[in-house]
N, C-alpha and C. Protein backbone atom coordinates (compact mmCIF):
# COMPACT_ATOMS: atom_id res chain seq x y z
N UNK A 1 68.06 50.84 138.62
CA UNK A 1 67.10 51.23 137.75
C UNK A 1 68.01 51.01 135.95
N UNK A 2 67.42 50.07 135.35
CA UNK A 2 67.27 49.93 134.07
C UNK A 2 67.31 51.12 132.95
N UNK A 3 68.04 51.59 132.18
CA UNK A 3 68.54 52.19 131.28
C UNK A 3 68.30 51.41 129.97
N UNK A 4 66.62 51.16 129.17
CA UNK A 4 66.35 50.74 128.28
C UNK A 4 65.78 51.70 126.84
N UNK A 5 65.59 53.18 127.84
CA UNK A 5 65.05 54.29 126.95
C UNK A 5 66.21 55.17 126.77
N UNK A 6 65.44 55.87 125.67
CA UNK A 6 66.60 57.61 125.85
C UNK A 6 66.61 58.39 127.29
N UNK A 7 64.71 58.48 127.22
CA UNK A 7 64.36 59.44 128.47
C UNK A 7 64.99 58.39 129.75
N UNK A 8 65.22 57.24 130.12
CA UNK A 8 65.60 56.87 131.01
C UNK A 8 67.46 57.15 131.39
N UNK A 9 68.04 57.12 129.76
CA UNK A 9 69.32 57.31 129.81
C UNK A 9 69.58 59.00 130.05
N UNK A 10 68.34 59.59 129.86
CA UNK A 10 68.73 61.49 129.71
C UNK A 10 68.47 61.35 131.68
N UNK A 11 67.60 60.93 132.37
CA UNK A 11 67.01 60.93 133.57
C UNK A 11 68.15 60.39 134.71
N UNK A 12 68.71 59.54 134.20
CA UNK A 12 70.20 59.04 134.77
C UNK A 12 71.29 59.46 134.57
N UNK A 13 71.60 60.02 133.78
CA UNK A 13 72.87 61.33 133.61
C UNK A 13 72.22 62.31 134.68
N UNK A 14 71.23 62.77 134.12
CA UNK A 14 71.17 64.36 135.06
C UNK A 14 70.92 63.66 136.68
N UNK A 15 70.20 63.20 136.88
CA UNK A 15 70.06 62.49 138.34
C UNK A 15 71.66 62.31 139.21
N UNK A 16 72.19 62.08 138.41
CA UNK A 16 73.91 61.22 139.29
C UNK A 16 74.64 62.42 139.02
N UNK A 17 74.51 63.54 138.25
CA UNK A 17 75.17 64.93 138.00
C UNK A 17 74.67 65.58 138.88
N UNK A 18 73.40 65.93 139.02
CA UNK A 18 72.65 66.74 140.34
C UNK A 18 72.83 66.87 141.72
N UNK A 19 73.42 65.57 142.11
CA UNK A 19 73.43 64.68 143.75
C UNK A 19 75.14 65.30 143.89
N UNK A 20 75.58 64.71 142.73
CA UNK A 20 77.44 65.33 142.83
C UNK A 20 77.88 67.26 143.11
N UNK A 21 76.74 67.64 141.96
CA UNK A 21 76.91 68.92 141.93
C UNK A 21 76.96 69.62 143.57
N UNK A 22 75.32 69.07 144.22
CA UNK A 22 75.10 70.21 145.47
C UNK A 22 76.03 69.10 146.30
N UNK A 23 76.99 67.90 146.43
CA UNK A 23 77.83 67.64 147.57
C UNK A 23 78.90 68.74 147.47
N UNK A 24 79.06 69.16 146.28
CA UNK A 24 80.57 70.02 145.77
C UNK A 24 79.80 71.00 146.34
N UNK A 25 78.69 72.14 146.35
CA UNK A 25 78.38 73.23 146.36
C UNK A 25 78.42 73.21 147.84
N UNK A 26 77.95 72.46 148.56
CA UNK A 26 77.82 72.30 150.24
C UNK A 26 79.23 72.43 150.44
N UNK A 27 79.95 71.52 150.54
CA UNK A 27 81.71 71.84 150.88
C UNK A 27 82.35 73.25 150.40
N UNK A 28 81.99 73.47 148.94
CA UNK A 28 81.97 75.02 148.85
C UNK A 28 81.49 76.10 149.56
N UNK A 29 80.74 76.19 150.12
CA UNK A 29 79.95 76.82 151.03
C UNK A 29 80.93 77.19 152.44
N UNK A 30 80.59 75.89 152.98
CA UNK A 30 81.72 75.62 154.42
C UNK A 30 82.92 75.86 153.98
N UNK A 31 83.79 75.72 152.97
CA UNK A 31 85.24 76.82 153.20
C UNK A 31 84.85 78.30 152.74
N UNK A 32 83.91 78.73 151.92
CA UNK A 32 83.58 80.17 151.86
C UNK A 32 83.38 80.80 153.29
N UNK A 33 82.71 80.09 154.13
CA UNK A 33 82.01 80.92 155.50
C UNK A 33 83.09 80.42 156.63
N UNK A 34 84.44 79.48 156.22
CA UNK A 34 85.47 79.49 157.41
C UNK A 34 85.78 80.32 157.96
N UNK A 35 85.81 80.89 159.27
CA UNK A 35 86.34 81.57 160.09
C UNK A 35 87.61 82.21 160.17
N UNK A 36 88.44 80.84 160.24
CA UNK A 36 90.24 81.36 160.52
C UNK A 36 90.66 80.20 159.06
N UNK A 37 91.89 81.11 158.89
CA UNK A 37 92.97 80.85 157.73
C UNK A 37 92.72 79.31 157.46
N UNK A 38 93.37 78.82 158.60
CA UNK A 38 93.71 77.17 158.25
C UNK A 38 92.66 76.43 158.33
N UNK A 39 91.61 76.66 158.68
CA UNK A 39 90.30 76.24 158.72
C UNK A 39 89.96 76.13 157.19
N UNK A 40 89.79 77.41 156.45
CA UNK A 40 89.43 76.84 155.39
C UNK A 40 90.49 76.29 154.50
N UNK A 41 91.75 76.55 154.45
CA UNK A 41 92.77 75.88 153.59
C UNK A 41 92.58 73.98 153.59
N UNK A 42 92.09 74.25 155.40
CA UNK A 42 91.86 72.56 155.11
C UNK A 42 90.69 72.22 154.63
N UNK A 43 89.60 72.95 154.31
CA UNK A 43 88.53 72.85 153.66
C UNK A 43 88.80 72.42 152.07
N UNK A 44 89.80 73.43 151.86
CA UNK A 44 90.06 73.45 150.06
C UNK A 44 90.79 72.70 149.70
N UNK A 45 91.80 72.27 150.65
CA UNK A 45 92.59 70.66 150.67
C UNK A 45 91.80 69.45 150.52
N UNK A 46 90.80 69.27 151.17
CA UNK A 46 89.68 68.10 150.97
C UNK A 46 89.16 68.17 150.06
N UNK A 47 88.44 69.37 149.47
CA UNK A 47 87.82 69.64 148.20
C UNK A 47 88.40 68.80 146.87
N UNK A 48 89.61 69.21 146.80
CA UNK A 48 90.21 68.36 145.84
C UNK A 48 90.05 67.11 145.32
N UNK A 49 90.48 66.11 146.08
CA UNK A 49 89.52 64.38 146.12
C UNK A 49 88.71 64.34 145.75
N UNK A 50 87.76 65.21 146.71
CA UNK A 50 86.32 65.23 146.23
C UNK A 50 85.78 65.37 144.94
N UNK A 51 86.70 66.79 144.60
CA UNK A 51 86.09 66.97 143.24
C UNK A 51 86.61 65.91 142.10
N UNK A 52 87.97 65.40 142.68
CA UNK A 52 88.43 64.47 141.74
C UNK A 52 87.75 63.09 141.73
N UNK A 53 87.10 62.76 142.82
CA UNK A 53 85.94 61.34 142.92
C UNK A 53 85.13 61.74 142.45
N UNK A 54 84.31 62.67 142.36
CA UNK A 54 83.12 63.10 141.59
C UNK A 54 84.05 63.00 139.98
N UNK A 55 84.69 63.65 138.78
CA UNK A 55 85.04 63.60 138.25
C UNK A 55 85.25 62.37 138.06
N UNK A 56 85.79 61.97 138.14
CA UNK A 56 86.18 60.19 137.81
C UNK A 56 85.03 59.36 137.80
N UNK A 57 84.09 59.79 138.71
CA UNK A 57 83.01 58.92 139.35
C UNK A 57 81.56 59.09 138.64
N UNK A 58 81.70 60.43 137.71
CA UNK A 58 81.00 60.82 136.79
C UNK A 58 80.75 60.31 135.29
N UNK A 59 82.31 60.39 135.17
CA UNK A 59 82.69 59.81 133.68
C UNK A 59 82.40 58.28 134.16
N UNK A 60 82.85 57.67 134.66
CA UNK A 60 82.25 56.15 134.52
C UNK A 60 80.95 55.71 134.79
N UNK A 61 80.67 56.10 135.99
CA UNK A 61 78.70 56.36 135.88
C UNK A 61 78.21 56.22 134.52
N UNK A 62 78.31 57.43 133.91
CA UNK A 62 77.53 58.22 132.47
C UNK A 62 77.78 56.85 131.41
N UNK A 63 79.23 57.05 131.47
CA UNK A 63 79.58 56.19 130.40
C UNK A 63 79.26 54.18 130.69
N UNK A 64 78.97 53.92 131.44
CA UNK A 64 77.74 52.96 132.34
C UNK A 64 76.43 52.76 131.40
N UNK A 65 75.82 54.17 131.71
CA UNK A 65 74.59 53.94 131.69
C UNK A 65 74.22 54.54 129.99
N UNK A 66 75.68 54.66 129.30
CA UNK A 66 75.34 54.63 128.10
C UNK A 66 75.25 53.54 127.34
N UNK A 67 76.31 52.21 127.82
CA UNK A 67 76.79 51.35 127.52
C UNK A 67 75.44 50.17 127.47
N UNK A 68 74.93 50.76 129.11
CA UNK A 68 73.61 49.66 128.79
C UNK A 68 72.53 50.01 128.28
N UNK A 69 72.49 51.39 127.66
CA UNK A 69 71.30 51.79 126.67
C UNK A 69 71.63 51.06 125.35
N UNK A 70 72.71 50.90 125.08
CA UNK A 70 73.20 50.67 123.39
C UNK A 70 72.90 48.94 123.58
N UNK A 71 73.22 47.98 125.01
CA UNK A 71 73.08 46.84 125.11
C UNK A 71 71.71 46.34 124.89
N UNK A 72 71.06 47.67 125.54
CA UNK A 72 69.52 47.35 125.57
C UNK A 72 68.77 47.01 124.12
N UNK A 73 69.36 47.81 123.16
CA UNK A 73 69.09 48.32 121.39
C UNK A 73 69.22 47.21 121.35
N UNK A 74 69.73 46.18 121.80
CA UNK A 74 70.17 44.38 121.18
C UNK A 74 70.66 44.46 119.26
N UNK A 75 71.37 45.10 119.14
CA UNK A 75 71.65 45.69 118.09
C UNK A 75 73.01 44.07 117.81
N UNK A 76 72.65 43.30 116.04
CA UNK A 76 73.85 42.52 116.05
C UNK A 76 75.20 43.09 115.57
N UNK A 77 76.31 42.57 115.58
CA UNK A 77 77.80 43.35 115.19
C UNK A 77 77.55 43.96 114.07
N UNK A 78 76.93 43.54 113.09
CA UNK A 78 77.20 44.73 111.60
C UNK A 78 76.26 45.80 111.49
N UNK A 79 75.36 45.82 112.62
CA UNK A 79 75.12 46.89 112.83
C UNK A 79 75.54 47.97 114.11
N UNK A 80 76.89 47.79 114.66
CA UNK A 80 76.84 48.88 115.35
C UNK A 80 78.10 49.98 114.49
N UNK A 81 78.25 50.90 115.16
CA UNK A 81 79.31 51.58 114.46
C UNK A 81 80.87 50.99 115.01
N UNK A 82 81.67 51.52 114.16
CA UNK A 82 83.07 50.92 114.72
C UNK A 82 83.40 50.96 115.65
N UNK A 83 83.19 52.18 116.79
CA UNK A 83 83.88 52.11 117.95
C UNK A 83 83.10 50.59 118.78
N UNK A 84 81.49 50.88 118.98
CA UNK A 84 81.00 49.58 119.51
C UNK A 84 81.13 48.20 118.84
N UNK A 85 81.73 48.42 117.71
CA UNK A 85 81.95 46.69 117.13
C UNK A 85 83.38 46.49 117.37
N UNK A 86 84.59 47.45 118.15
CA UNK A 86 85.62 47.12 118.73
C UNK A 86 85.25 46.81 120.10
N UNK A 87 84.40 47.19 120.62
CA UNK A 87 84.33 46.73 122.05
C UNK A 87 83.78 45.78 121.98
N UNK A 88 82.59 44.86 121.49
CA UNK A 88 82.51 44.18 121.13
C UNK A 88 83.55 43.03 120.68
N UNK A 89 84.33 43.42 120.03
CA UNK A 89 85.34 42.51 119.71
C UNK A 89 86.67 42.62 121.04
N UNK A 90 86.46 43.42 121.73
CA UNK A 90 87.54 43.56 122.44
C UNK A 90 88.32 42.44 122.98
N UNK A 91 87.59 41.48 123.47
CA UNK A 91 88.19 40.22 124.40
C UNK A 91 88.81 39.62 123.28
N UNK A 92 88.57 39.29 122.00
CA UNK A 92 88.91 38.62 121.08
C UNK A 92 90.58 39.07 120.44
N UNK A 93 89.80 40.69 120.57
CA UNK A 93 91.67 41.39 119.99
C UNK A 93 92.42 41.58 121.26
N UNK A 94 92.35 41.50 122.57
CA UNK A 94 93.23 40.83 123.50
C UNK A 94 93.90 39.69 123.66
N UNK A 95 92.91 38.88 122.98
CA UNK A 95 93.86 37.33 123.09
C UNK A 95 94.49 37.00 122.23
N UNK A 96 94.74 38.19 120.92
CA UNK A 96 95.38 38.32 119.64
C UNK A 96 96.37 39.19 120.22
N UNK A 97 96.59 39.85 121.08
CA UNK A 97 97.51 40.68 121.25
C UNK A 97 98.41 40.22 122.42
N UNK A 98 98.09 39.05 122.76
CA UNK A 98 98.98 38.36 124.46
C UNK A 98 99.16 37.32 124.03
N UNK A 99 99.17 37.10 122.26
CA UNK A 99 99.69 35.75 121.97
C UNK A 99 100.07 35.95 120.67
N UNK A 100 101.29 34.99 120.36
CA UNK A 100 101.71 34.83 118.84
C UNK A 100 100.40 33.63 118.12
N UNK A 101 100.12 32.68 118.87
CA UNK A 101 99.57 31.68 118.68
C UNK A 101 98.75 31.80 117.33
N UNK A 102 98.43 31.10 116.66
CA UNK A 102 97.61 30.97 115.61
C UNK A 102 96.12 30.88 115.54
N UNK A 103 95.91 30.36 116.80
CA UNK A 103 94.87 30.11 117.29
C UNK A 103 93.98 31.52 118.20
N UNK A 104 94.88 32.53 118.15
CA UNK A 104 94.31 33.77 118.60
C UNK A 104 93.60 34.60 117.29
N UNK A 105 94.79 34.56 116.23
CA UNK A 105 94.44 35.01 115.30
C UNK A 105 93.09 34.24 114.31
N UNK A 106 92.83 33.01 114.60
CA UNK A 106 92.01 32.13 113.70
C UNK A 106 90.33 32.47 114.27
N UNK A 107 90.56 33.04 116.08
CA UNK A 107 89.24 33.39 116.72
C UNK A 107 88.81 34.62 116.08
N UNK A 108 89.69 35.55 116.19
CA UNK A 108 89.55 36.67 115.51
C UNK A 108 89.09 36.75 114.32
N UNK A 109 89.91 36.00 112.99
CA UNK A 109 89.13 36.18 112.12
C UNK A 109 87.74 35.62 112.08
N UNK A 110 87.68 34.11 112.79
CA UNK A 110 86.26 33.67 112.88
C UNK A 110 84.97 34.70 113.16
N UNK A 111 85.53 35.84 114.07
CA UNK A 111 84.55 36.63 114.53
C UNK A 111 84.25 37.47 113.33
N UNK A 112 84.82 37.80 112.55
CA UNK A 112 84.98 38.88 111.55
C UNK A 112 84.01 37.75 110.36
N UNK A 113 84.12 36.83 110.50
CA UNK A 113 83.40 36.33 109.24
C UNK A 113 82.07 35.78 109.51
N UNK A 114 82.29 35.01 110.42
CA UNK A 114 80.68 34.35 111.07
C UNK A 114 79.90 34.97 112.10
N UNK A 115 80.61 35.81 113.02
CA UNK A 115 79.52 36.34 113.89
C UNK A 115 79.05 37.64 113.80
N UNK A 116 79.33 38.15 112.69
CA UNK A 116 78.63 39.61 112.17
C UNK A 116 77.51 39.78 112.69
N UNK A 117 76.80 38.88 112.36
CA UNK A 117 75.05 38.99 112.65
C UNK A 117 74.45 38.01 114.09
N UNK A 118 75.74 37.76 114.70
CA UNK A 118 75.42 37.76 116.10
C UNK A 118 75.38 38.96 117.07
N UNK A 119 74.12 38.94 118.07
CA UNK A 119 74.02 40.16 118.67
C UNK A 119 75.47 40.75 119.49
N UNK A 120 75.45 42.05 119.19
CA UNK A 120 76.76 42.57 119.74
C UNK A 120 77.52 42.30 121.48
N UNK A 121 78.36 41.78 121.73
CA UNK A 121 78.35 41.77 122.95
C UNK A 121 79.16 43.29 123.70
N UNK A 122 77.81 43.98 124.67
CA UNK A 122 78.33 45.34 125.17
C UNK A 122 79.11 45.26 126.10
N UNK A 123 80.28 45.99 126.70
CA UNK A 123 80.58 45.53 128.13
C UNK A 123 79.59 46.39 128.91
N UNK A 124 80.10 45.95 129.90
CA UNK A 124 78.93 47.10 130.88
C UNK A 124 79.51 48.66 131.46
N UNK A 125 80.95 48.36 131.64
CA UNK A 125 81.92 49.55 132.08
C UNK A 125 82.83 49.82 131.02
N UNK A 126 83.23 51.11 131.63
CA UNK A 126 84.85 51.17 130.67
C UNK A 126 85.66 51.62 131.86
N UNK A 127 86.62 51.66 131.66
CA UNK A 127 87.95 51.60 132.92
C UNK A 127 88.14 53.04 132.56
N UNK A 128 88.30 53.10 133.86
CA UNK A 128 89.10 55.24 134.07
C UNK A 128 90.30 54.85 135.06
N UNK A 129 90.88 52.94 134.57
CA UNK A 129 92.24 53.46 135.23
C UNK A 129 92.38 53.93 136.60
N UNK A 130 91.75 54.19 137.20
CA UNK A 130 91.52 54.70 138.99
C UNK A 130 92.37 56.20 138.85
N UNK A 131 92.81 56.57 137.58
CA UNK A 131 93.86 57.70 137.70
C UNK A 131 93.24 58.32 136.01
N UNK A 132 91.72 59.37 136.18
CA UNK A 132 91.53 59.67 135.04
C UNK A 132 92.19 60.79 134.42
N UNK A 133 93.02 60.77 134.30
CA UNK A 133 93.90 61.76 133.30
C UNK A 133 93.10 61.87 132.00
N UNK A 134 93.99 63.20 131.46
CA UNK A 134 93.61 63.64 130.00
C UNK A 134 94.02 62.64 129.23
N UNK A 135 95.17 61.82 129.14
CA UNK A 135 94.65 60.61 128.42
C UNK A 135 93.92 59.29 128.18
N UNK A 136 93.82 58.95 129.82
CA UNK A 136 92.53 58.09 129.68
C UNK A 136 91.52 58.35 129.01
N UNK A 137 91.04 60.03 129.41
CA UNK A 137 89.87 60.52 129.01
C UNK A 137 89.26 60.64 127.23
N UNK A 138 90.39 60.29 126.83
CA UNK A 138 90.74 60.58 125.45
C UNK A 138 90.48 59.40 125.07
N UNK A 139 90.73 58.08 125.36
CA UNK A 139 90.67 56.54 124.98
C UNK A 139 89.59 56.53 125.46
N UNK A 140 88.31 56.86 126.36
CA UNK A 140 87.31 56.69 126.63
C UNK A 140 86.34 57.10 125.37
N UNK A 141 86.59 58.45 125.35
CA UNK A 141 85.85 59.04 124.12
C UNK A 141 86.24 58.45 123.34
N UNK A 142 86.75 58.00 122.60
CA UNK A 142 87.04 57.27 121.53
C UNK A 142 86.36 55.76 121.65
N UNK A 143 86.31 55.11 122.53
CA UNK A 143 85.85 54.23 122.45
C UNK A 143 84.41 53.94 122.55
N UNK A 144 83.43 55.22 123.30
CA UNK A 144 82.15 55.39 122.73
C UNK A 144 82.05 56.41 121.82
N UNK A 145 83.12 56.77 120.85
CA UNK A 145 82.46 57.43 119.56
C UNK A 145 81.77 58.72 119.83
N UNK A 146 82.94 59.07 120.95
CA UNK A 146 82.38 61.01 121.23
C UNK A 146 83.47 61.74 120.83
N UNK A 147 82.95 63.26 121.12
CA UNK A 147 83.88 63.90 120.15
C UNK A 147 84.63 64.98 121.01
N UNK A 148 86.20 64.29 121.27
CA UNK A 148 87.14 65.13 122.32
C UNK A 148 87.37 66.65 122.18
N UNK A 149 87.28 66.97 120.73
CA UNK A 149 88.05 68.00 120.50
C UNK A 149 87.86 69.45 121.34
N UNK A 150 86.67 69.56 122.06
CA UNK A 150 86.29 70.76 123.05
C UNK A 150 86.94 70.54 124.05
N UNK A 151 86.94 69.16 124.61
CA UNK A 151 88.38 68.94 126.08
C UNK A 151 89.98 68.63 125.42
N UNK A 152 90.15 69.08 124.23
CA UNK A 152 91.38 69.21 123.97
C UNK A 152 92.11 70.28 124.80
N UNK A 153 91.71 71.23 125.04
CA UNK A 153 92.21 72.17 125.59
C UNK A 153 92.54 72.48 127.47
N UNK A 154 91.79 71.47 127.80
CA UNK A 154 91.47 71.17 129.19
C UNK A 154 92.57 69.80 129.88
N UNK A 155 93.52 69.68 129.04
CA UNK A 155 94.36 68.54 129.22
C UNK A 155 95.51 68.90 130.66
N UNK A 156 95.73 70.18 130.11
CA UNK A 156 97.06 70.61 131.07
C UNK A 156 95.72 70.99 132.94
N UNK A 157 94.91 70.99 132.39
CA UNK A 157 94.00 71.23 133.75
C UNK A 157 93.57 70.02 134.64
N UNK A 158 93.35 69.11 133.47
CA UNK A 158 93.00 67.90 134.10
C UNK A 158 94.23 67.07 134.70
N UNK A 159 95.35 67.17 134.40
CA UNK A 159 96.23 66.65 134.52
C UNK A 159 97.45 67.07 135.61
N UNK A 160 97.34 68.82 135.72
CA UNK A 160 98.13 69.52 136.76
C UNK A 160 97.61 69.76 137.51
N UNK A 161 96.14 70.40 137.76
CA UNK A 161 95.28 70.99 138.30
C UNK A 161 94.35 70.20 139.41
N UNK A 162 94.03 69.32 138.72
CA UNK A 162 92.94 68.41 139.58
C UNK A 162 94.12 66.70 139.64
N UNK A 163 93.98 65.77 138.54
CA UNK A 163 95.35 64.71 139.09
C UNK A 163 95.88 64.37 139.89
N UNK A 164 96.92 65.27 139.63
CA UNK A 164 98.72 65.70 140.05
C UNK A 164 97.96 66.18 141.62
N UNK A 165 97.28 66.98 141.47
CA UNK A 165 96.50 67.77 143.04
C UNK A 165 96.04 66.78 143.90
N UNK A 166 95.45 66.11 143.15
CA UNK A 166 94.76 65.04 143.92
C UNK A 166 95.29 63.90 144.64
N UNK A 167 96.58 63.62 143.69
CA UNK A 167 97.27 62.18 144.29
C UNK A 167 98.16 63.26 145.03
N UNK A 168 98.77 64.43 144.96
CA UNK A 168 99.46 64.73 146.38
C UNK A 168 98.80 64.79 147.54
N UNK A 169 97.09 65.12 147.49
CA UNK A 169 96.41 65.37 148.62
C UNK A 169 96.39 63.67 149.13
N UNK A 170 95.91 63.17 148.47
CA UNK A 170 95.66 61.68 148.79
C UNK A 170 96.86 60.98 149.41
N UNK A 171 98.13 61.24 149.18
CA UNK A 171 99.31 60.44 149.87
C UNK A 171 99.75 61.02 151.14
N UNK A 172 98.65 62.04 150.97
CA UNK A 172 99.08 62.90 152.56
C UNK A 172 100.58 63.85 152.54
N UNK A 173 100.68 64.40 151.52
CA UNK A 173 101.70 65.46 151.04
C UNK A 173 100.80 66.74 151.47
N UNK A 174 101.35 68.30 151.39
CA UNK A 174 100.92 69.11 151.85
C UNK A 174 101.07 69.69 150.56
N UNK A 175 100.00 70.54 150.07
CA UNK A 175 99.65 71.71 149.08
C UNK A 175 98.77 72.88 149.65
N UNK A 176 99.09 74.18 148.99
CA UNK A 176 98.37 74.95 149.21
C UNK A 176 97.42 75.17 147.73
N UNK A 177 95.90 75.05 148.24
CA UNK A 177 95.04 75.22 147.49
C UNK A 177 94.23 76.80 147.48
N UNK A 178 94.42 77.82 146.89
CA UNK A 178 94.11 78.73 147.01
C UNK A 178 92.53 78.88 146.54
N UNK A 179 92.17 79.98 147.11
CA UNK A 179 90.71 79.63 147.02
C UNK A 179 89.68 80.17 145.11
N UNK A 180 90.58 81.15 145.19
CA UNK A 180 90.09 81.41 143.55
C UNK A 180 90.19 80.79 142.49
N UNK A 181 91.62 79.74 142.90
CA UNK A 181 92.01 78.86 141.81
C UNK A 181 90.95 77.33 142.13
N UNK A 182 90.26 77.12 143.41
CA UNK A 182 89.42 76.10 143.53
C UNK A 182 88.20 76.38 142.95
N UNK A 183 87.97 77.29 143.22
CA UNK A 183 86.42 77.91 142.43
C UNK A 183 86.80 77.84 141.13
N UNK A 184 88.12 78.24 140.39
CA UNK A 184 87.72 77.54 138.82
C UNK A 184 87.90 76.32 138.57
N UNK A 185 88.60 75.55 139.59
CA UNK A 185 88.81 73.97 138.95
C UNK A 185 87.51 73.60 139.30
N UNK A 186 87.19 73.73 139.92
CA UNK A 186 85.37 73.12 139.96
C UNK A 186 84.55 73.57 139.45
N UNK A 187 84.74 74.58 138.97
CA UNK A 187 83.22 75.13 137.67
C UNK A 187 83.69 74.34 136.63
N UNK A 188 84.89 74.61 136.12
CA UNK A 188 85.53 73.75 134.83
C UNK A 188 85.04 72.33 135.08
N UNK A 189 85.58 71.97 135.88
CA UNK A 189 85.10 70.62 135.84
C UNK A 189 83.92 70.16 136.24
N UNK A 190 82.64 70.95 136.34
CA UNK A 190 81.58 70.23 136.61
C UNK A 190 80.99 70.86 134.58
N UNK A 191 81.58 71.70 134.18
CA UNK A 191 81.18 72.36 133.05
C UNK A 191 81.61 71.34 132.12
N UNK A 192 82.87 70.39 132.30
CA UNK A 192 83.04 69.08 131.48
C UNK A 192 82.30 68.02 132.17
N UNK A 193 81.99 67.55 133.31
CA UNK A 193 80.73 67.09 133.23
C UNK A 193 79.50 67.00 132.62
N UNK A 194 78.88 67.64 132.42
CA UNK A 194 77.96 68.68 132.24
C UNK A 194 77.98 68.35 130.07
N UNK A 195 79.02 68.55 129.85
CA UNK A 195 79.18 68.92 128.25
C UNK A 195 79.40 66.47 127.88
N UNK A 196 80.03 66.06 128.94
CA UNK A 196 80.37 64.61 128.27
C UNK A 196 78.96 64.36 128.56
N UNK A 197 78.09 64.61 129.82
CA UNK A 197 76.53 64.37 129.24
C UNK A 197 75.52 64.21 128.49
N UNK A 198 75.87 65.64 128.24
CA UNK A 198 75.14 66.18 126.66
C UNK A 198 75.35 65.76 125.18
N UNK A 199 77.05 65.16 125.24
CA UNK A 199 77.11 64.45 124.44
C UNK A 199 77.43 63.17 124.20
N UNK A 200 76.82 62.25 125.70
CA UNK A 200 75.94 61.22 125.24
C UNK A 200 74.84 61.32 124.85
N UNK A 201 73.90 62.13 125.46
CA UNK A 201 72.82 62.10 125.23
C UNK A 201 72.48 62.67 123.98
N UNK A 202 73.39 63.11 122.98
CA UNK A 202 73.17 63.94 121.53
C UNK A 202 73.61 62.13 121.36
N UNK A 203 74.34 61.50 121.34
CA UNK A 203 75.08 60.32 120.85
C UNK A 203 73.57 59.28 120.79
N UNK A 204 72.86 59.10 121.91
CA UNK A 204 71.65 58.62 121.77
C UNK A 204 70.57 58.69 120.91
N UNK A 205 70.45 59.89 120.89
CA UNK A 205 69.35 60.54 119.89
C UNK A 205 69.34 60.11 118.86
N UNK A 206 71.29 60.36 118.41
CA UNK A 206 71.23 60.51 116.59
C UNK A 206 71.77 59.48 116.43
N UNK A 207 71.78 58.34 117.56
CA UNK A 207 71.96 57.01 117.00
C UNK A 207 73.47 56.67 116.53
N UNK A 208 74.52 57.29 117.00
CA UNK A 208 75.52 57.34 116.69
C UNK A 208 76.47 56.43 117.38
N UNK A 209 75.95 55.02 118.28
CA UNK A 209 76.13 53.82 118.26
C UNK A 209 76.07 52.46 117.04
N UNK A 210 75.41 53.31 116.59
CA UNK A 210 74.88 52.16 115.19
C UNK A 210 75.41 52.57 113.60
N UNK A 211 75.26 51.65 113.00
CA UNK A 211 76.28 51.95 111.78
C UNK A 211 75.16 52.63 110.86
N UNK A 212 73.98 53.12 111.37
CA UNK A 212 73.04 53.44 110.59
C UNK A 212 72.41 54.77 111.44
N UNK A 213 73.56 55.73 111.96
CA UNK A 213 73.33 56.70 112.85
C UNK A 213 71.65 57.54 111.90
N UNK A 214 71.46 58.61 112.54
CA UNK A 214 70.67 59.88 112.42
C UNK A 214 71.03 60.51 111.81
N UNK A 215 70.94 61.20 110.72
CA UNK A 215 71.60 62.35 109.91
C UNK A 215 71.20 63.96 111.06
N UNK A 216 72.60 64.35 111.33
CA UNK A 216 72.37 65.30 112.52
C UNK A 216 71.88 66.28 111.23
N UNK A 217 71.05 67.84 111.92
CA UNK A 217 70.38 68.97 110.81
C UNK A 217 71.29 69.82 111.64
């Protein structure tokens, strides 16, 4: 699905979250109905990497939806917000970082002197580094110009209860996952995904990707 309008973006964000929520709910239902303690423990352990997969998958997919929407706005570099201008110039910035040769610095200087009226080069995706910790999440928020403050209190939950536990299970190590603990973890992860979706929708409506955003009321 091509994402050119705010409505298409909203539909894509909603649809992608709906199927993930349904799958997690289905597995949670199975674990709650398990007749044997060993069976329930196994299902709860299996739920952790699946929950993480949807955590990383939705953040990556919804970021891509936002980036595709912004790309279709066909804004020039001088019309982009600082965050998206940084994304547009990222390849040139990396060239400067990887070399001390003057040619890299001249390339970057030329970009800001002569390419500001050219169409922005918006990347199709943002890397989650295959390990979506709170640190990586903060970088994604910064890159997209979103507000991280309401997620800052979730750092321990993300890093220790989700990412670290997922790694433990994925590496074949044994860990006990209590039913109440998992119930709380799934609820909070789904809340964060829903808030991420809302922030992107608000950013689109308020044109926060632009150097001339719409004033919020």
